Every structure is written in C-alpha cells, then in structure tokens.
Amino acid sequence: MMEEEIKKAIDFVVSKNAGVRYADIRIEKGSATVIELRDDVLREMSYGIDQGVGVRVCYKNSWGFSSSNDIAFTRLKDTFEDAMNIGRALSLSASNKHAEAVKIAHSEPKKDYFKLKPKINPDDVSIEEKKRMVKEVHKAAKKHSPHIKTVSILYLDGYEEKIYADSDGSYIVMETPAVFMRVRTVARKGNVLQEGTESIGAVAGFEAIEEENPEVVGVKAADKAVRLLDADLPPPGEFTVIMDNKLAGVFMHEALGHSAEADHVLYGESILRGKLGEEIAYEGLTVADDPTIELSHGYYRYDDEGMKSKRTEIIKDGILVSYLHTRETAGRLEAIPTSNARAADYSEVPLVRMSNTVIEEGDWNFEDMREDMPFGIYAKGMRGGQVDTVRGEFQFSAEEAFLIEKGALSKRLKNVSLSGRTLDVLKNIDAVGKDKKRGSIGFCGKDGQEVPVSEYAPHVRVKKILVGGASS
C-alpha cells in the first residue's frame, strides 16, 4: 500500500507536468537519545521521535526541493507540487537563463528492503541505564588524575527507518541503528591547560559501545590530557614527519577528500580540477572512500539517491583516478556515480559527501620508518585545523607528538601544528605503513549539514612538512 501511494505521487508530478524530468523522495522516521554531561552535571537528557519527507524535482534545468513533517499520503502530492513549483520558478528566473544543463547520470532501478539487526537495540536499553553508563565514564576519567579539571561527555544513539523512491523506478526501504560517544577532558597544572579527546561510534547497536569498554575510553581521554602537561613545544621549521593512523586518516579526509568532491571540482573550488589521470602523489599511495565497511561510523547500504554503496578509489598508486560523485555531478562530468550523495536528514538536499576515508597499506613497519630519521617528528591524532580546497593549503594541529632523534622517540611534544600545500605533501610522502587500523570517528560538516564519518589508515611518513607550535 505504501509503495503504491508513493509511486502514485511520483507519477502525478512527472506525468502531469511536461517540464519535469526527474523526481525522488525520502521518507524518514527515527528516534534519538541525547545525553550530555559536563562536570557531573546533566546539560541534556532527552529522547525524541522525528519524521518527515524530503522531495526533489528536476524541472527543465532547475532543481526544486521541499520538505515537510507531514508524511500522510494525502500530503505527498502537495509536497511534490511545492518542489515542482520551486523548480519551475527557478527555471524562469533571469539568473538561471545561462545555467549549465542538468545532466543526471543513468542508474538502474533498484528494489530492496534492508534491515540491520543489532545485537542490542539502543531502544531496548533504558535511558536510566545509559545515564548510569555516562556517569561511570565521567567518574573514571575524573578519578584518573587530580589534574583533570573538566570532563565533558556526549552520548548519542538513534534508530532510523528510511524509504527512498524515484521516477526511475527505484524503491528502497532501510532500517539502521547508530551509536556515538565522545569524551573530552581538560587537565591543568599551574597555568598550563591541555585537552584529551576520545570517540567511539558505529552504525550498529548498543553493543558497539559496550565492546569498546566506555570507562576505558574515558580514562584514555584523561590520560592524554595529563601526559601533555609536561610536554615540550616543538622546534619550528621543515622536518620529516611520521603521521599516526588517526592523523594520516584525517589529513586525507580533509585535505584530499574534500578536494575530490565533484561539486567543488565543477565550481572551480578544487586543486584537483583537470588532474584526473595525473600522478599527484607518492607512487605507493592508494586512498579510497568506502561506505561498505560494516560496523563503521560512515557505513550505509544505499546513499540518498538510491545508489548501492561501493568502494571508490580516489588515488591509486599515486594517480588521481576518480572524484566523488552524486548522479548530477557524474552526469555533468560524464563519469559513473560513486554513491556519495548524502543528506543530514529529510529536510536537507543530498550533497557530495565522504563516508569512510581509507589509506591502503604499504610495506613499511613503524620501526623501519624511524630508523633512517636522524631528526624529525612523530605526530599523533588531530585536534583541529582548516583546509582551503581552492588554494590547496592546510593547517592542522596534532593532539600530541614526539621528537624523533637518531631513529628513536625522545621528548614528548604538545601544541604541534602542521601546515603546507596538499599536493606538495602528497608528493613528499615516501613511506606507507602496513599497520592499517581504524582512526578517528566523528562528524563531517559541509554547507551546514553534518554526516557521520571515520577513517582507516596506517602510519604515513612525509619527507618534508612545515612544523610550528604555540604556547599553552
């Protein structure tokens, strides 16, 4: 009955209006728990249910989008009409007269029902039990050291049911749970403040939290902050730097991945424009985007245009082989869609987005990387930074670092910043480790939308990169 009504609404807008070329719909129903604790004070503890519909209509060469919280079948036609009227109005506007033609890459219709069955459904765990867990994590982190002054914990979980359908004939139903927890600590010694953060999360049930041992996660965050209190500032200058799996993964996500998003390429906002087929990196480097990794934070079975998820190599053996696409960017660039259309929820339009950024293993071990380094830096984790995809420049801050002297780790370092040009760094990589593992877990923002992502990477060595530092 539901499928029939949705198809009727799509047929109504497509068949009754000569200018409509394509239409799709996402209906979402979901529940979510949010617990935020700071210094043993609950800032938020809530459970909410949300539902809504988002529809797109391509009218001639303009997109119209409309969303609503009313998912009654009697309202679907109205929502489609709203989107169509927006598309029609845009197509008639003077500013749209010279817009490039919208080309939507072909996709075979798909029909599927996918339900990810968790071992422990988050909804089957009471909010009181979740609160108790969060408080135990806080207690463990705070107890770790008298230097720990602040502990902040954010816990999220949810369960989503999504229906996707389009005028090409696709009809897909998906049900997925997800969990996430972040622990952020601040340690103080005199006037010195340092921060430590740890995150866990997956498209999975509550078992993904339990298996990580949440209290240990809290202690790790606290220990990181404390051990940085007595660390030294880094020497400034250009050095050989080894990035750990977390820093290497986030670097590739931020500096390479965003530049590989095809909308940036089309709008002239990427240093990778016109470089397909060129050798842009160390020949031993292969980087992919892979939403098919089960139990990852960036996993999905289908993207928000109904494309079956698949692994996409961006760089293969140092050569740029693909951008990341929606169906529209693929159509305009005469490429194959890469299942990277993602929206934060039904009220947002799908954009080109990453999922899990993966650096494939090389043949180096960590000890061999250090062995021939008379002097350099071992940088771990990512605290923050910024990337300019147009100019291809970046500045990142590592969570912690060590000085490397004669191949051995010596002084612990803090407040280490790394900066440079993305293409220079990709070329200056000279070793990729054979120790790939999961790196950072978090959310990626773009145009006001956040989607869950993660990284998987080994150690990576860069021959030359600019290092700086700031006082606490």
Protein backbone atom coordinates (compact mmCIF):
# COMPACT_ATOMS: atom_id res chain seq x y z
CA MET A 1 0.00 0.00 0.00
CA MET A 2 2.76 2.44 0.96
CA GLU A 3 4.82 1.70 -2.15
CA GLU A 4 1.76 2.12 -4.36
CA GLU A 5 0.86 5.51 -2.86
CA ILE A 6 4.42 6.81 -3.20
CA LYS A 7 4.57 5.71 -6.84
CA LYS A 8 1.26 7.46 -7.49
CA ALA A 9 2.63 10.70 -6.06
CA ILE A 10 5.78 10.47 -8.20
CA ASP A 11 3.77 9.61 -11.33
CA PHE A 12 1.45 12.53 -10.62
CA VAL A 13 4.21 15.14 -10.68
CA VAL A 14 6.16 13.57 -13.58
CA SER A 15 3.34 12.67 -15.96
CA LYS A 16 1.18 15.75 -15.43
CA ASN A 17 3.92 18.32 -15.99
CA ALA A 18 5.84 18.42 -19.27
CA GLY A 19 8.88 20.19 -17.81
CA VAL A 20 9.55 17.62 -15.07
CA ARG A 21 12.48 15.37 -15.94
CA TYR A 22 13.07 13.56 -12.66
CA ALA A 23 11.74 13.30 -9.11
CA ASP A 24 12.73 11.48 -5.93
CA ILE A 25 11.52 11.19 -2.36
CA ARG A 26 12.97 10.30 1.05
CA ILE A 27 10.62 9.47 3.91
CA GLU A 28 12.31 9.14 7.29
CA LYS A 29 11.11 8.11 10.73
CA GLY A 30 13.51 7.98 13.61
CA SER A 31 14.12 8.09 17.33
CA ALA A 32 17.15 9.55 19.09
CA THR A 33 18.63 9.72 22.58
CA VAL A 34 20.93 12.57 23.61
CA ILE A 35 22.80 12.66 26.92
CA GLU A 36 25.27 15.47 27.57
CA LEU A 37 27.16 15.54 30.86
CA ARG A 38 29.68 18.16 31.90
CA ASP A 39 31.45 18.11 35.25
CA ASP A 40 28.88 15.65 36.58
CA VAL A 41 26.00 17.98 35.67
CA LEU A 42 23.48 16.80 33.09
CA ARG A 43 23.21 19.51 30.44
CA GLU A 44 20.77 17.48 28.37
CA MET A 45 19.00 14.14 28.63
CA SER A 46 16.35 13.65 26.01
CA TYR A 47 14.57 11.11 23.87
CA GLY A 48 12.81 12.30 20.75
CA ILE A 49 10.93 10.97 17.75
CA ASP A 50 11.04 12.72 14.40
CA GLN A 51 9.59 12.03 11.00
CA GLY A 52 9.41 13.84 7.72
CA VAL A 53 9.65 13.78 3.96
CA GLY A 54 12.00 15.48 1.53
CA VAL A 55 11.35 15.55 -2.22
CA ARG A 56 13.34 16.81 -5.18
CA VAL A 57 12.00 17.65 -8.61
CA CYS A 58 14.16 18.50 -11.61
CA TYR A 59 12.14 20.91 -13.75
CA LYS A 60 13.95 21.53 -17.05
CA ASN A 61 17.39 22.61 -15.77
CA SER A 62 16.46 23.63 -12.24
CA TRP A 63 16.05 21.71 -9.00
CA GLY A 64 13.15 22.29 -6.67
CA PHE A 65 13.21 20.90 -3.13
CA SER A 66 10.53 20.75 -0.47
CA SER A 67 10.30 19.05 2.92
CA SER A 68 7.57 18.52 5.47
CA ASN A 69 6.93 16.83 8.81
CA ASP A 70 3.60 15.60 7.47
CA ILE A 71 4.15 12.21 5.84
CA ALA A 72 0.48 11.42 5.28
CA PHE A 73 -0.06 10.02 1.79
CA THR A 74 -2.70 12.65 1.12
CA ARG A 75 0.02 15.31 1.52
CA LEU A 76 2.72 13.73 -0.67
CA LYS A 77 1.32 15.18 -3.89
CA ASP A 78 1.25 18.64 -2.31
CA THR A 79 4.91 18.33 -1.28
CA PHE A 80 5.88 17.26 -4.79
CA GLU A 81 3.91 20.17 -6.24
CA ASP A 82 5.72 22.59 -3.93
CA ALA A 83 9.09 21.26 -5.12
CA MET A 84 7.98 21.40 -8.76
CA ASN A 85 6.76 24.98 -8.42
CA ILE A 86 10.10 26.00 -6.91
CA GLY A 87 11.94 24.30 -9.78
CA ARG A 88 9.68 25.97 -12.35
CA ALA A 89 10.15 29.40 -10.77
CA LEU A 90 13.93 28.97 -10.77
CA SER A 91 13.90 27.86 -14.41
CA LEU A 92 12.11 31.08 -15.37
CA SER A 93 14.36 33.40 -13.36
CA ALA A 94 16.78 35.64 -15.24
CA SER A 95 19.75 34.36 -13.22
CA ASN A 96 19.07 30.82 -14.42
CA LYS A 97 18.94 31.57 -18.15
CA HIS A 98 22.59 30.75 -18.70
CA ALA A 99 22.89 27.93 -16.16
CA GLU A 100 24.52 24.72 -17.33
CA ALA A 101 22.17 21.93 -18.29
CA VAL A 102 21.39 19.48 -15.50
CA LYS A 103 22.58 16.02 -16.52
CA ILE A 104 21.60 13.11 -14.30
CA ALA A 105 23.73 10.00 -14.75
CA HIS A 106 21.88 6.79 -15.52
CA SER A 107 21.13 4.39 -12.70
CA GLU A 108 19.37 1.06 -12.93
CA PRO A 109 16.19 0.94 -10.81
CA LYS A 110 16.68 -0.88 -7.52
CA LYS A 111 14.25 -2.57 -5.18
CA ASP A 112 15.44 -3.67 -1.78
CA TYR A 113 14.49 -4.00 1.86
CA PHE A 114 17.48 -3.81 4.19
CA LYS A 115 17.32 -4.10 7.95
CA LEU A 116 20.49 -4.00 10.02
CA LYS A 117 19.66 -6.07 13.08
CA PRO A 118 21.75 -5.01 16.09
CA LYS A 119 22.71 -7.41 18.85
CA ILE A 120 21.37 -4.83 21.31
CA ASN A 121 18.80 -2.36 20.02
CA PRO A 122 19.56 1.04 21.63
CA ASP A 123 15.83 1.42 22.29
CA ASP A 124 15.94 -1.72 24.45
CA VAL A 125 18.41 -0.05 26.84
CA SER A 126 16.66 2.32 29.23
CA ILE A 127 17.68 5.96 29.33
CA GLU A 128 18.47 5.48 33.03
CA GLU A 129 20.95 2.74 32.14
CA LYS A 130 22.56 5.00 29.54
CA LYS A 131 22.76 7.81 32.08
CA ARG A 132 24.41 5.46 34.58
CA MET A 133 27.00 4.46 31.96
CA VAL A 134 27.79 8.09 31.12
CA LYS A 135 28.22 8.93 34.80
CA GLU A 136 30.57 5.96 35.27
CA VAL A 137 32.66 7.18 32.33
CA HIS A 138 32.81 10.63 33.92
CA LYS A 139 33.83 9.14 37.26
CA ALA A 140 36.60 7.04 35.68
CA ALA A 141 38.03 9.99 33.74
CA LYS A 142 37.88 12.35 36.73
CA LYS A 143 39.43 9.79 39.07
CA HIS A 144 42.38 9.20 36.74
CA SER A 145 44.30 12.25 37.96
CA PRO A 146 43.85 15.26 40.25
CA HIS A 147 44.98 17.35 37.27
CA ILE A 148 41.73 16.59 35.42
CA LYS A 149 39.55 19.67 35.87
CA THR A 150 36.82 19.23 33.27
CA VAL A 151 35.16 16.15 31.78
CA SER A 152 32.51 16.51 29.06
CA ILE A 153 30.67 13.52 27.62
CA LEU A 154 28.27 13.43 24.69
CA TYR A 155 26.29 10.25 24.08
CA LEU A 156 24.01 9.80 21.05
CA ASP A 157 22.02 6.91 19.69
CA GLY A 158 19.22 6.51 17.21
CA TYR A 159 17.18 4.20 15.05
CA GLU A 160 16.07 5.24 11.58
CA GLU A 161 13.60 3.88 9.06
CA LYS A 162 14.02 5.36 5.59
CA ILE A 163 12.13 4.90 2.33
CA TYR A 164 13.70 6.06 -0.91
CA ALA A 165 11.91 6.11 -4.26
CA ASP A 166 12.43 7.88 -7.58
CA SER A 167 10.91 8.33 -11.02
CA ASP A 168 13.41 5.85 -12.49
CA GLY A 169 11.59 3.07 -10.62
CA SER A 170 13.73 2.57 -7.51
CA TYR A 171 12.03 1.70 -4.22
CA ILE A 172 14.28 1.01 -1.22
CA VAL A 173 13.46 0.55 2.46
CA MET A 174 16.22 0.70 5.08
CA GLU A 175 16.28 0.34 8.86
CA THR A 176 19.52 1.12 10.71
CA PRO A 177 20.63 1.86 14.28
CA ALA A 178 23.61 4.07 15.19
CA VAL A 179 25.54 4.94 18.36
CA PHE A 180 28.21 7.51 19.26
CA MET A 181 30.06 8.69 22.37
CA ARG A 182 32.72 11.38 22.76
CA VAL A 183 34.72 12.09 25.92
CA ARG A 184 36.56 15.40 26.16
CA THR A 185 38.81 16.19 29.12
CA VAL A 186 40.84 19.22 30.20
CA ALA A 187 43.84 18.90 32.52
CA ARG A 188 45.50 21.76 34.37
CA LYS A 189 48.88 22.19 36.03
CA GLY A 190 49.62 25.73 37.12
CA ASN A 191 48.81 27.92 34.14
CA VAL A 192 49.12 25.08 31.64
CA LEU A 193 45.93 23.62 30.14
CA GLN A 194 45.79 20.58 27.87
CA GLU A 195 42.93 18.68 26.28
CA GLY A 196 42.35 15.00 25.55
CA THR A 197 39.53 13.58 23.44
CA GLU A 198 38.40 10.06 22.54
CA SER A 199 35.39 9.00 20.45
CA ILE A 200 33.65 5.73 19.64
CA GLY A 201 30.74 5.09 17.33
CA ALA A 202 29.28 2.87 14.63
CA VAL A 203 26.25 2.15 12.52
CA ALA A 204 25.36 -0.65 14.90
CA GLY A 205 23.57 -1.31 18.17
CA PHE A 206 24.45 -0.55 21.78
CA GLU A 207 26.87 -3.48 21.69
CA ALA A 208 29.33 -1.25 19.79
CA ILE A 209 29.55 0.96 22.89
CA GLU A 210 29.81 -1.93 25.35
CA GLU A 211 32.52 -3.71 23.36
CA GLU A 212 34.77 -0.64 23.50
CA ASN A 213 34.53 -0.51 27.33
CA PRO A 214 33.29 3.08 27.81
CA GLU A 215 35.14 3.65 31.09
CA VAL A 216 38.45 2.80 29.41
CA VAL A 217 37.61 5.34 26.70
CA GLY A 218 37.18 7.97 29.42
CA VAL A 219 40.49 7.07 31.04
CA LYS A 220 42.29 7.25 27.68
CA ALA A 221 40.98 10.77 27.11
CA ALA A 222 42.05 11.84 30.61
CA ASP A 223 45.48 10.24 30.33
CA LYS A 224 46.12 12.01 27.03
CA ALA A 225 45.41 15.41 28.58
CA VAL A 226 47.55 14.73 31.67
CA ARG A 227 50.62 13.45 29.85
CA LEU A 228 50.69 16.58 27.68
CA LEU A 229 51.01 18.90 30.68
CA ASP A 230 54.77 18.40 30.91
CA ALA A 231 55.40 18.10 27.18
CA ASP A 232 57.71 20.49 25.33
CA LEU A 233 56.89 22.80 22.45
CA PRO A 234 58.12 21.59 19.05
CA PRO A 235 61.07 23.11 17.24
CA PRO A 236 59.88 25.28 14.32
CA GLY A 237 60.92 24.50 10.77
CA GLU A 238 60.59 21.94 7.99
CA PHE A 239 61.06 18.36 9.15
CA THR A 240 60.35 14.78 8.21
CA VAL A 241 57.10 13.84 9.95
CA ILE A 242 55.51 10.47 10.60
CA MET A 243 51.72 10.69 10.97
CA ASP A 244 49.95 8.04 13.03
CA ASN A 245 46.82 6.33 11.70
CA LYS A 246 44.46 8.96 13.14
CA LEU A 247 46.32 12.00 11.81
CA ALA A 248 47.03 10.39 8.42
CA GLY A 249 43.37 9.45 8.02
CA VAL A 250 42.02 12.88 8.92
CA PHE A 251 44.63 14.57 6.72
CA MET A 252 43.46 12.54 3.72
CA HIS A 253 39.81 13.22 4.58
CA GLU A 254 40.24 16.96 4.98
CA ALA A 255 42.98 17.88 2.51
CA LEU A 256 42.38 15.30 -0.24
CA GLY A 257 38.80 14.08 0.24
CA HIS A 258 37.08 17.46 0.20
CA SER A 259 39.09 18.47 -2.86
CA ALA A 260 37.90 15.27 -4.57
CA GLU A 261 34.22 16.09 -4.05
CA ALA A 262 32.97 16.69 -7.58
CA ASP A 263 30.79 19.69 -6.74
CA HIS A 264 33.94 21.54 -5.64
CA VAL A 265 35.58 20.45 -8.90
CA LEU A 266 32.66 21.70 -11.02
CA TYR A 267 32.57 25.07 -9.27
CA GLY A 268 36.32 25.62 -9.69
CA GLU A 269 36.89 25.25 -5.95
CA SER A 270 39.33 22.34 -6.05
CA ILE A 271 43.04 22.00 -6.76
CA LEU A 272 42.23 18.61 -8.32
CA ARG A 273 40.25 20.06 -11.21
CA GLY A 274 41.59 18.79 -14.53
CA LYS A 275 44.04 16.38 -12.89
CA LEU A 276 42.31 13.03 -13.46
CA GLY A 277 44.86 10.52 -14.72
CA GLU A 278 47.80 12.53 -13.40
CA GLU A 279 50.32 11.33 -10.85
CA ILE A 280 49.69 13.65 -7.91
CA ALA A 281 51.13 11.60 -5.04
CA TYR A 282 53.74 9.09 -3.91
CA GLU A 283 53.51 6.01 -6.12
CA GLY A 284 52.91 3.78 -3.11
CA LEU A 285 49.80 5.69 -2.01
CA THR A 286 46.26 4.41 -2.58
CA VAL A 287 43.33 6.26 -0.98
CA ALA A 288 39.67 5.24 -1.21
CA ASP A 289 36.25 6.24 0.07
CA ASP A 290 34.41 3.16 1.34
CA PRO A 291 30.89 3.25 2.83
CA THR A 292 30.66 -0.57 2.66
CA ILE A 293 32.76 -1.16 5.81
CA GLU A 294 30.35 -2.81 8.22
CA LEU A 295 30.23 -1.60 11.84
CA SER A 296 31.97 1.63 10.82
CA HIS A 297 30.71 5.12 11.62
CA GLY A 298 30.46 6.00 7.92
CA TYR A 299 28.60 2.87 6.79
CA TYR A 300 25.47 2.91 4.64
CA ARG A 301 23.84 0.38 2.32
CA TYR A 302 22.46 2.97 -0.12
CA ASP A 303 23.17 6.66 -0.46
CA ASP A 304 20.47 9.34 -0.54
CA GLU A 305 19.96 8.94 -4.29
CA GLY A 306 19.34 5.21 -4.04
CA MET A 307 22.81 4.24 -5.28
CA LYS A 308 24.15 0.98 -3.81
CA SER A 309 27.19 1.82 -1.72
CA LYS A 310 30.56 0.88 -3.17
CA ARG A 311 34.25 1.46 -2.60
CA THR A 312 35.71 4.25 -4.75
CA GLU A 313 39.44 4.68 -5.23
CA ILE A 314 40.39 8.36 -5.37
CA ILE A 315 44.15 7.83 -5.70
CA LYS A 316 45.58 4.54 -6.94
CA ASP A 317 49.35 4.04 -6.84
CA GLY A 318 49.81 7.82 -6.73
CA ILE A 319 47.49 8.58 -9.68
CA LEU A 320 44.23 10.52 -9.30
CA VAL A 321 41.66 8.09 -10.73
CA SER A 322 38.28 9.40 -9.57
CA TYR A 323 36.31 12.16 -7.95
CA LEU A 324 33.41 11.51 -5.57
CA HIS A 325 30.01 11.99 -7.21
CA THR A 326 26.29 12.41 -6.97
CA ARG A 327 24.26 11.41 -10.01
CA GLU A 328 24.21 15.03 -11.20
CA THR A 329 27.95 15.69 -10.87
CA ALA A 330 28.63 12.35 -12.57
CA GLY A 331 26.30 13.33 -15.41
CA ARG A 332 27.92 16.71 -15.90
CA LEU A 333 31.44 15.25 -15.82
CA GLU A 334 30.49 12.17 -17.86
CA ALA A 335 31.51 9.86 -15.03
CA ILE A 336 29.96 6.98 -13.10
CA PRO A 337 28.09 7.85 -9.87
CA THR A 338 30.04 6.79 -6.78
CA SER A 339 27.25 6.53 -4.16
CA ASN A 340 28.39 9.66 -2.31
CA ALA A 341 25.11 11.62 -2.23
CA ARG A 342 24.33 12.19 1.45
CA ALA A 343 21.96 14.44 3.36
CA ALA A 344 21.92 15.07 7.11
CA ASP A 345 18.20 14.27 7.17
CA TYR A 346 14.98 14.55 5.16
CA SER A 347 14.94 18.36 5.46
CA GLU A 348 18.23 18.76 3.57
CA VAL A 349 19.24 18.20 -0.05
CA PRO A 350 21.83 15.49 -0.79
CA LEU A 351 25.37 16.77 -1.38
CA VAL A 352 28.61 15.10 -2.43
CA ARG A 353 29.95 13.73 0.86
CA MET A 354 32.61 11.31 2.06
CA SER A 355 31.94 8.22 4.20
CA ASN A 356 34.96 6.22 5.44
CA THR A 357 38.30 7.52 4.17
CA VAL A 358 40.74 4.63 3.74
CA ILE A 359 44.50 4.70 3.14
CA GLU A 360 45.54 1.27 1.92
CA GLU A 361 48.54 -0.43 3.49
CA GLY A 362 52.06 -0.17 2.14
CA ASP A 363 55.01 -2.37 3.10
CA TRP A 364 56.74 -0.37 5.86
CA ASN A 365 56.68 -1.03 9.57
CA PHE A 366 56.86 1.81 12.08
CA GLU A 367 60.36 0.95 13.30
CA ASP A 368 61.82 0.99 9.79
CA MET A 369 60.20 4.37 9.12
CA ARG A 370 62.02 5.85 12.12
CA GLU A 371 65.30 4.03 11.67
CA ASP A 372 66.77 6.28 8.97
CA MET A 373 65.49 9.53 10.52
CA PRO A 374 68.27 11.47 12.27
CA PHE A 375 65.76 14.12 13.37
CA GLY A 376 62.03 14.54 12.90
CA ILE A 377 58.56 14.48 14.42
CA TYR A 378 56.08 11.70 15.18
CA ALA A 379 52.64 13.38 15.20
CA LYS A 380 49.52 11.68 16.56
CA GLY A 381 45.83 12.47 16.28
CA MET A 382 44.06 15.60 15.10
CA ARG A 383 42.89 18.42 17.36
CA GLY A 384 41.56 20.72 14.65
CA GLY A 385 42.53 22.79 11.67
CA GLN A 386 41.42 24.25 8.38
CA VAL A 387 41.70 23.49 4.67
CA ASP A 388 41.43 25.73 1.63
CA THR A 389 40.39 23.43 -1.24
CA VAL A 390 40.73 26.26 -3.78
CA ARG A 391 44.34 27.14 -2.99
CA GLY A 392 45.20 23.66 -1.77
CA GLU A 393 46.57 24.81 1.58
CA PHE A 394 46.05 23.37 5.05
CA GLN A 395 46.90 23.91 8.71
CA PHE A 396 46.32 21.16 11.26
CA SER A 397 47.07 20.75 14.95
CA ALA A 398 48.14 17.32 16.18
CA GLU A 399 46.81 16.04 19.50
CA GLU A 400 50.27 15.02 20.68
CA ALA A 401 53.70 14.30 19.24
CA PHE A 402 57.22 13.07 19.92
CA LEU A 403 60.61 14.22 18.78
CA ILE A 404 62.50 11.59 16.78
CA GLU A 405 66.27 11.62 17.28
CA LYS A 406 68.52 9.05 15.61
CA GLY A 407 65.52 6.85 14.91
CA ALA A 408 64.24 6.80 18.50
CA LEU A 409 61.29 8.57 20.13
CA SER A 410 62.57 11.10 22.66
CA LYS A 411 60.78 14.19 24.02
CA ARG A 412 57.01 14.36 24.17
CA LEU A 413 55.69 17.44 22.34
CA LYS A 414 52.50 19.47 22.59
CA ASN A 415 50.68 22.11 20.51
CA VAL A 416 52.24 20.84 17.28
CA SER A 417 50.88 22.44 14.11
CA LEU A 418 51.47 21.17 10.58
CA SER A 419 50.93 23.33 7.52
CA GLY A 420 51.64 23.31 3.82
CA ARG A 421 50.22 22.63 0.39
CA THR A 422 48.21 19.47 -0.14
CA LEU A 423 49.82 18.47 -3.45
CA ASP A 424 53.33 19.06 -2.07
CA VAL A 425 52.65 16.81 0.91
CA LEU A 426 51.13 14.06 -1.26
CA LYS A 427 54.30 14.10 -3.39
CA ASN A 428 56.55 14.22 -0.32
CA ILE A 429 55.15 11.02 1.17
CA ASP A 430 57.88 8.41 0.96
CA ALA A 431 56.62 5.57 3.17
CA VAL A 432 53.23 3.99 3.91
CA GLY A 433 52.90 1.54 6.79
CA LYS A 434 51.48 -1.97 6.83
CA ASP A 435 49.58 -1.40 10.08
CA LYS A 436 46.20 -0.02 8.94
CA LYS A 437 43.58 0.34 11.66
CA ARG A 438 40.55 2.44 12.50
CA GLY A 439 41.41 6.06 13.12
CA SER A 440 39.20 8.99 14.04
CA ILE A 441 35.42 8.79 14.43
CA GLY A 442 33.26 11.87 14.13
CA PHE A 443 31.01 14.06 12.01
CA CYS A 444 31.92 15.99 8.88
CA GLY A 445 30.35 19.37 8.19
CA LYS A 446 29.55 20.90 4.80
CA ASP A 447 27.07 23.64 3.91
CA GLY A 448 25.52 23.41 7.37
CA GLN A 449 25.00 19.64 7.22
CA GLU A 450 26.80 17.08 9.37
CA VAL A 451 27.11 13.39 8.49
CA PRO A 452 28.91 10.56 10.33
CA VAL A 453 32.36 9.60 9.01
CA SER A 454 35.50 7.77 10.04
CA GLU A 455 38.97 6.93 8.75
CA TYR A 456 41.12 3.83 8.42
CA ALA A 457 44.84 4.31 7.88
CA PRO A 458 48.37 3.07 8.61
CA HIS A 459 51.35 5.22 9.59
CA VAL A 460 52.47 7.57 6.80
CA ARG A 461 55.82 9.34 6.52
CA VAL A 462 56.24 12.73 4.83
CA LYS A 463 59.78 13.80 3.87
CA LYS A 464 59.18 17.49 4.44
CA ILE A 465 56.39 19.45 6.11
CA LEU A 466 56.31 22.77 7.98
CA VAL A 467 56.07 22.36 11.76
CA GLY A 468 55.16 25.06 14.25
CA GLY A 469 53.91 25.36 17.82
CA ALA A 470 52.20 27.72 20.21
CA SER A 471 52.43 28.19 23.95
CA SER A 472 49.68 26.69 26.10
